[in-house]
Amino acid sequence: MVGYAFSPIDLIPDFIPVLGYLDDLVLIPLGVAVAMKMIPEKVMEDCRIRSKEVMGKKKPINRVAAVVIICIWLMLIVMTIVLVVRASSTK
């Protein structure tokens, strides 16, 4: 299902109105449901227990990544303002 979801080739091309997206809205959830049913109950229960343990722990915080992302956004905002000011001043 992951391959189908990310594949550029669809059963019904997306440019066909309504039907193009309808196949994605139907086939992907059905595929996920089938995949979930194929997972043994013991494995699923083990994964649920592990996820509860992980979620109970303190989540990691990466401040460096946050600063980098904020700087990128600020640079994009400044560049946009500069381009708008330049475009409006030349008229």
C-alpha atoms as a PDB file:
ATOM      1  CA  MET A   1       0.000   0.000   0.000  1.00  0.00           C
ATOM      2  CA  VAL A   2       2.890   2.348   0.678  1.00  0.00           C
ATOM      3  CA  GLY A   3       4.153   1.703  -2.835  1.00  0.00           C
ATOM      4  CA  TYR A   4       0.740   2.435  -4.319  1.00  0.00           C
ATOM      5  CA  ALA A   5       0.249   5.557  -2.185  1.00  0.00           C
ATOM      6  CA  PHE A   6       3.562   7.092  -3.298  1.00  0.00           C
ATOM      7  CA  SER A   7       3.538   5.767  -6.850  1.00  0.00           C
ATOM      8  CA  PRO A   8       2.980   8.293  -9.630  1.00  0.00           C
ATOM      9  CA  ILE A   9       0.942   5.624 -11.441  1.00  0.00           C
ATOM     10  CA  ASP A  10      -2.677   5.217 -10.276  1.00  0.00           C
ATOM     11  CA  LEU A  11      -5.440   2.872 -11.306  1.00  0.00           C
ATOM     12  CA  ILE A  12      -7.471   5.940 -12.208  1.00  0.00           C
ATOM     13  CA  PRO A  13      -5.386   9.028 -13.076  1.00  0.00           C
ATOM     14  CA  ASP A  14      -5.806  11.962 -10.691  1.00  0.00           C
ATOM     15  CA  PHE A  15      -6.701  14.421 -13.463  1.00  0.00           C
ATOM     16  CA  ILE A  16     -10.067  12.683 -13.940  1.00  0.00           C
ATOM     17  CA  PRO A  17     -12.511  14.713 -11.822  1.00  0.00           C
ATOM     18  CA  VAL A  18     -13.677  13.065  -8.584  1.00  0.00           C
ATOM     19  CA  LEU A  19     -12.790   9.486  -9.615  1.00  0.00           C
ATOM     20  CA  GLY A  20      -9.080  10.276  -9.740  1.00  0.00           C
ATOM     21  CA  TYR A  21      -8.947  10.974  -6.013  1.00  0.00           C
ATOM     22  CA  LEU A  22     -11.772   8.638  -5.049  1.00  0.00           C
ATOM     23  CA  ASP A  23      -9.677   5.548  -5.789  1.00  0.00           C
ATOM     24  CA  ASP A  24      -6.995   6.827  -3.402  1.00  0.00           C
ATOM     25  CA  LEU A  25      -9.601   7.602  -0.736  1.00  0.00           C
ATOM     26  CA  VAL A  26     -10.987   4.062  -0.969  1.00  0.00           C
ATOM     27  CA  LEU A  27      -8.037   1.810  -1.803  1.00  0.00           C
ATOM     28  CA  ILE A  28      -5.484   3.135   0.670  1.00  0.00           C
ATOM     29  CA  PRO A  29      -7.687   2.825   3.809  1.00  0.00           C
ATOM     30  CA  LEU A  30      -8.804  -0.632   2.652  1.00  0.00           C
ATOM     31  CA  GLY A  31      -5.186  -1.674   2.139  1.00  0.00           C
ATOM     32  CA  VAL A  32      -4.204  -0.403   5.573  1.00  0.00           C
ATOM     33  CA  ALA A  33      -7.130  -2.279   7.139  1.00  0.00           C
ATOM     34  CA  VAL A  34      -6.110  -5.512   5.387  1.00  0.00           C
ATOM     35  CA  ALA A  35      -2.482  -5.038   6.452  1.00  0.00           C
ATOM     36  CA  MET A  36      -3.565  -4.476  10.067  1.00  0.00           C
ATOM     37  CA  LYS A  37      -5.594  -7.710  10.006  1.00  0.00           C
ATOM     38  CA  MET A  38      -2.559  -9.612   8.702  1.00  0.00           C
ATOM     39  CA  ILE A  39      -0.459  -8.649  11.757  1.00  0.00           C
ATOM     40  CA  PRO A  40      -0.665 -11.368  14.432  1.00  0.00           C
ATOM     41  CA  GLU A  41      -2.450 -10.315  17.629  1.00  0.00           C
ATOM     42  CA  LYS A  42       0.582 -11.161  19.792  1.00  0.00           C
ATOM     43  CA  VAL A  43       2.808  -8.856  17.728  1.00  0.00           C
ATOM     44  CA  MET A  44       0.208  -6.084  17.815  1.00  0.00           C
ATOM     45  CA  GLU A  45      -0.139  -6.342  21.588  1.00  0.00           C
ATOM     46  CA  ASP A  46       3.646  -6.248  22.018  1.00  0.00           C
ATOM     47  CA  CYS A  47       3.812  -3.116  19.846  1.00  0.00           C
ATOM     48  CA  ARG A  48       1.058  -1.456  21.866  1.00  0.00           C
ATOM     49  CA  ILE A  49       2.907  -2.153  25.127  1.00  0.00           C
ATOM     50  CA  ARG A  50       6.166  -0.812  23.694  1.00  0.00           C
ATOM     51  CA  SER A  51       4.502   2.318  22.356  1.00  0.00           C
ATOM     52  CA  LYS A  52       2.948   3.037  25.767  1.00  0.00           C
ATOM     53  CA  GLU A  53       6.400   2.690  27.355  1.00  0.00           C
ATOM     54  CA  VAL A  54       7.964   5.055  24.839  1.00  0.00           C
ATOM     55  CA  MET A  55       5.156   7.601  25.113  1.00  0.00           C
ATOM     56  CA  GLY A  56       5.487   7.547  28.901  1.00  0.00           C
ATOM     57  CA  LYS A  57       9.115   8.648  28.708  1.00  0.00           C
ATOM     58  CA  LYS A  58      10.226  12.215  28.232  1.00  0.00           C
ATOM     59  CA  LYS A  59      10.287  13.099  24.558  1.00  0.00           C
ATOM     60  CA  PRO A  60      13.634  14.136  23.082  1.00  0.00           C
ATOM     61  CA  ILE A  61      14.022  17.807  22.281  1.00  0.00           C
ATOM     62  CA  ASN A  62      16.367  18.959  19.559  1.00  0.00           C
ATOM     63  CA  ARG A  63      16.855  22.671  20.055  1.00  0.00           C
ATOM     64  CA  VAL A  64      19.475  22.945  17.300  1.00  0.00           C
ATOM     65  CA  ALA A  65      17.021  21.661  14.692  1.00  0.00           C
ATOM     66  CA  ALA A  66      14.362  24.066  15.980  1.00  0.00           C
ATOM     67  CA  VAL A  67      16.748  27.022  15.685  1.00  0.00           C
ATOM     68  CA  VAL A  68      17.743  26.009  12.143  1.00  0.00           C
ATOM     69  CA  ILE A  69      14.117  25.719  11.038  1.00  0.00           C
ATOM     70  CA  ILE A  70      13.178  29.052  12.619  1.00  0.00           C
ATOM     71  CA  CYS A  71      16.165  30.717  10.909  1.00  0.00           C
ATOM     72  CA  ILE A  72      15.132  29.293   7.541  1.00  0.00           C
ATOM     73  CA  TRP A  73      11.572  30.613   7.994  1.00  0.00           C
ATOM     74  CA  LEU A  74      12.852  34.021   9.059  1.00  0.00           C
ATOM     75  CA  MET A  75      15.167  34.198   6.029  1.00  0.00           C
ATOM     76  CA  LEU A  76      12.270  33.291   3.730  1.00  0.00           C
ATOM     77  CA  ILE A  77      10.082  35.977   5.299  1.00  0.00           C
ATOM     78  CA  VAL A  78      12.824  38.596   4.988  1.00  0.00           C
ATOM     79  CA  MET A  79      13.528  37.606   1.364  1.00  0.00           C
ATOM     80  CA  THR A  80       9.821  37.851   0.535  1.00  0.00           C
ATOM     81  CA  ILE A  81       9.557  41.289   2.118  1.00  0.00           C
ATOM     82  CA  VAL A  82      12.663  42.483   0.258  1.00  0.00           C
ATOM     83  CA  LEU A  83      11.321  41.188  -3.064  1.00  0.00           C
ATOM     84  CA  VAL A  84       7.918  42.801  -2.494  1.00  0.00           C
ATOM     85  CA  VAL A  85       9.510  46.142  -1.550  1.00  0.00           C
ATOM     86  CA  ARG A  86      11.795  46.046  -4.586  1.00  0.00           C
ATOM     87  CA  ALA A  87       8.934  45.134  -6.908  1.00  0.00           C
ATOM     88  CA  SER A  88       6.700  47.869  -5.539  1.00  0.00           C
ATOM     89  CA  SER A  89       9.441  50.526  -5.655  1.00  0.00           C
ATOM     90  CA  THR A  90      10.234  49.944  -9.336  1.00  0.00           C
ATOM     91  CA  LYS A  91       6.681  50.765 -10.428  1.00  0.00           C
END
